[in-house]
Amino acid sequence: MAARDEIRHVIVLMLENRSFDCMLGDLYPAGPGFNGLTGNESNPLGPGLPAIQVNTTKTMDSSAAKTPTPDP
């Protein structure tokens, strides 16, 4: 019997970026053995506009779930 004949189920897990980031986005903070995130990173909005700081909320609550706004 070929190995593929023994496969009974195939599961495909598809997540949008926010779900992936909520699960793994803060997996490895910066440390001596890893060049990770510090929590001080930001994204520029444009010339003369303030930068958007990364979200450093450690818990998922209604405020964190709406940052940034989920309404496209």
C-alpha atoms as a PDB file:
ATOM      1  CA  MET A   1       0.000   0.000   0.000  1.00  0.00           C
ATOM      2  CA  ALA A   2       1.399   3.408  -0.968  1.00  0.00           C
ATOM      3  CA  ALA A   3       1.814   6.030   1.765  1.00  0.00           C
ATOM      4  CA  ARG A   4      -0.741   8.334   0.144  1.00  0.00           C
ATOM      5  CA  ASP A   5      -3.365   5.582   0.368  1.00  0.00           C
ATOM      6  CA  GLU A   6      -3.087   5.826   4.148  1.00  0.00           C
ATOM      7  CA  ILE A   7      -3.984   9.543   4.188  1.00  0.00           C
ATOM      8  CA  ARG A   8      -7.524   9.817   5.478  1.00  0.00           C
ATOM      9  CA  HIS A   9      -7.908  13.562   6.046  1.00  0.00           C
ATOM     10  CA  VAL A  10      -6.322  16.754   4.738  1.00  0.00           C
ATOM     11  CA  ILE A  11      -6.918  19.933   6.720  1.00  0.00           C
ATOM     12  CA  VAL A  12      -6.184  23.357   5.262  1.00  0.00           C
ATOM     13  CA  LEU A  13      -6.054  26.217   7.763  1.00  0.00           C
ATOM     14  CA  MET A  14      -6.307  29.635   6.119  1.00  0.00           C
ATOM     15  CA  LEU A  15      -5.971  32.790   8.196  1.00  0.00           C
ATOM     16  CA  GLU A  16      -6.025  36.425   7.270  1.00  0.00           C
ATOM     17  CA  ASN A  17      -3.003  38.476   8.344  1.00  0.00           C
ATOM     18  CA  ARG A  18      -4.571  39.843  11.513  1.00  0.00           C
ATOM     19  CA  SER A  19      -5.325  36.366  12.873  1.00  0.00           C
ATOM     20  CA  PHE A  20      -1.789  35.242  12.127  1.00  0.00           C
ATOM     21  CA  ASP A  21      -0.304  38.344  13.750  1.00  0.00           C
ATOM     22  CA  CYS A  22      -2.484  37.960  16.847  1.00  0.00           C
ATOM     23  CA  MET A  23      -1.265  34.391  17.291  1.00  0.00           C
ATOM     24  CA  LEU A  24       2.404  34.721  16.327  1.00  0.00           C
ATOM     25  CA  GLY A  25       3.218  38.407  15.918  1.00  0.00           C
ATOM     26  CA  ASP A  26       4.730  38.726  19.391  1.00  0.00           C
ATOM     27  CA  LEU A  27       6.257  35.271  19.574  1.00  0.00           C
ATOM     28  CA  TYR A  28       9.900  36.314  19.876  1.00  0.00           C
ATOM     29  CA  PRO A  29      10.807  39.618  21.512  1.00  0.00           C
ATOM     30  CA  ALA A  30      14.307  40.993  21.098  1.00  0.00           C
ATOM     31  CA  GLY A  31      16.911  39.376  23.293  1.00  0.00           C
ATOM     32  CA  PRO A  32      20.557  38.386  23.391  1.00  0.00           C
ATOM     33  CA  GLY A  33      20.005  35.370  21.138  1.00  0.00           C
ATOM     34  CA  PHE A  34      17.349  36.772  18.804  1.00  0.00           C
ATOM     35  CA  ASN A  35      17.025  39.969  16.756  1.00  0.00           C
ATOM     36  CA  GLY A  36      13.298  40.383  17.479  1.00  0.00           C
ATOM     37  CA  LEU A  37      10.945  43.287  18.090  1.00  0.00           C
ATOM     38  CA  THR A  38      11.454  45.833  20.840  1.00  0.00           C
ATOM     39  CA  GLY A  39       7.940  47.324  20.887  1.00  0.00           C
ATOM     40  CA  ASN A  40       9.246  50.739  19.791  1.00  0.00           C
ATOM     41  CA  GLU A  41       8.803  50.117  16.047  1.00  0.00           C
ATOM     42  CA  SER A  42       6.545  52.368  13.964  1.00  0.00           C
ATOM     43  CA  ASN A  43       5.216  52.837  10.440  1.00  0.00           C
ATOM     44  CA  PRO A  44       5.412  56.258   8.763  1.00  0.00           C
ATOM     45  CA  LEU A  45       2.151  57.785   7.508  1.00  0.00           C
ATOM     46  CA  GLY A  46       3.744  60.307   5.215  1.00  0.00           C
ATOM     47  CA  PRO A  47       5.619  63.613   5.140  1.00  0.00           C
ATOM     48  CA  GLY A  48       4.662  65.809   8.070  1.00  0.00           C
ATOM     49  CA  LEU A  49       2.406  63.172   9.639  1.00  0.00           C
ATOM     50  CA  PRO A  50       3.078  61.316  12.891  1.00  0.00           C
ATOM     51  CA  ALA A  51       4.212  57.708  12.674  1.00  0.00           C
ATOM     52  CA  ILE A  52       1.898  54.914  13.790  1.00  0.00           C
ATOM     53  CA  GLN A  53       3.395  53.056  16.749  1.00  0.00           C
ATOM     54  CA  VAL A  54       3.127  49.281  17.005  1.00  0.00           C
ATOM     55  CA  ASN A  55       0.435  47.908  19.274  1.00  0.00           C
ATOM     56  CA  THR A  56       2.016  46.518  22.429  1.00  0.00           C
ATOM     57  CA  THR A  57      -1.196  45.389  24.125  1.00  0.00           C
ATOM     58  CA  LYS A  58      -0.583  42.044  25.823  1.00  0.00           C
ATOM     59  CA  THR A  59      -4.257  41.072  26.191  1.00  0.00           C
ATOM     60  CA  MET A  60      -7.042  40.759  23.639  1.00  0.00           C
ATOM     61  CA  ASP A  61      -9.949  42.954  24.640  1.00  0.00           C
ATOM     62  CA  SER A  62     -12.507  44.960  22.670  1.00  0.00           C
ATOM     63  CA  SER A  63     -10.100  47.896  22.342  1.00  0.00           C
ATOM     64  CA  ALA A  64      -7.226  45.765  21.035  1.00  0.00           C
ATOM     65  CA  ALA A  65      -9.532  43.951  18.602  1.00  0.00           C
ATOM     66  CA  LYS A  66     -10.504  47.287  17.033  1.00  0.00           C
ATOM     67  CA  THR A  67      -6.932  48.580  16.571  1.00  0.00           C
ATOM     68  CA  PRO A  68      -6.578  49.302  13.734  1.00  0.00           C
ATOM     69  CA  THR A  69     -10.196  49.561  12.768  1.00  0.00           C
ATOM     70  CA  PRO A  70     -11.390  46.263  11.260  1.00  0.00           C
ATOM     71  CA  ASP A  71     -13.877  48.054   9.003  1.00  0.00           C
ATOM     72  CA  PRO A  72     -12.450  48.084   5.459  1.00  0.00           C
END
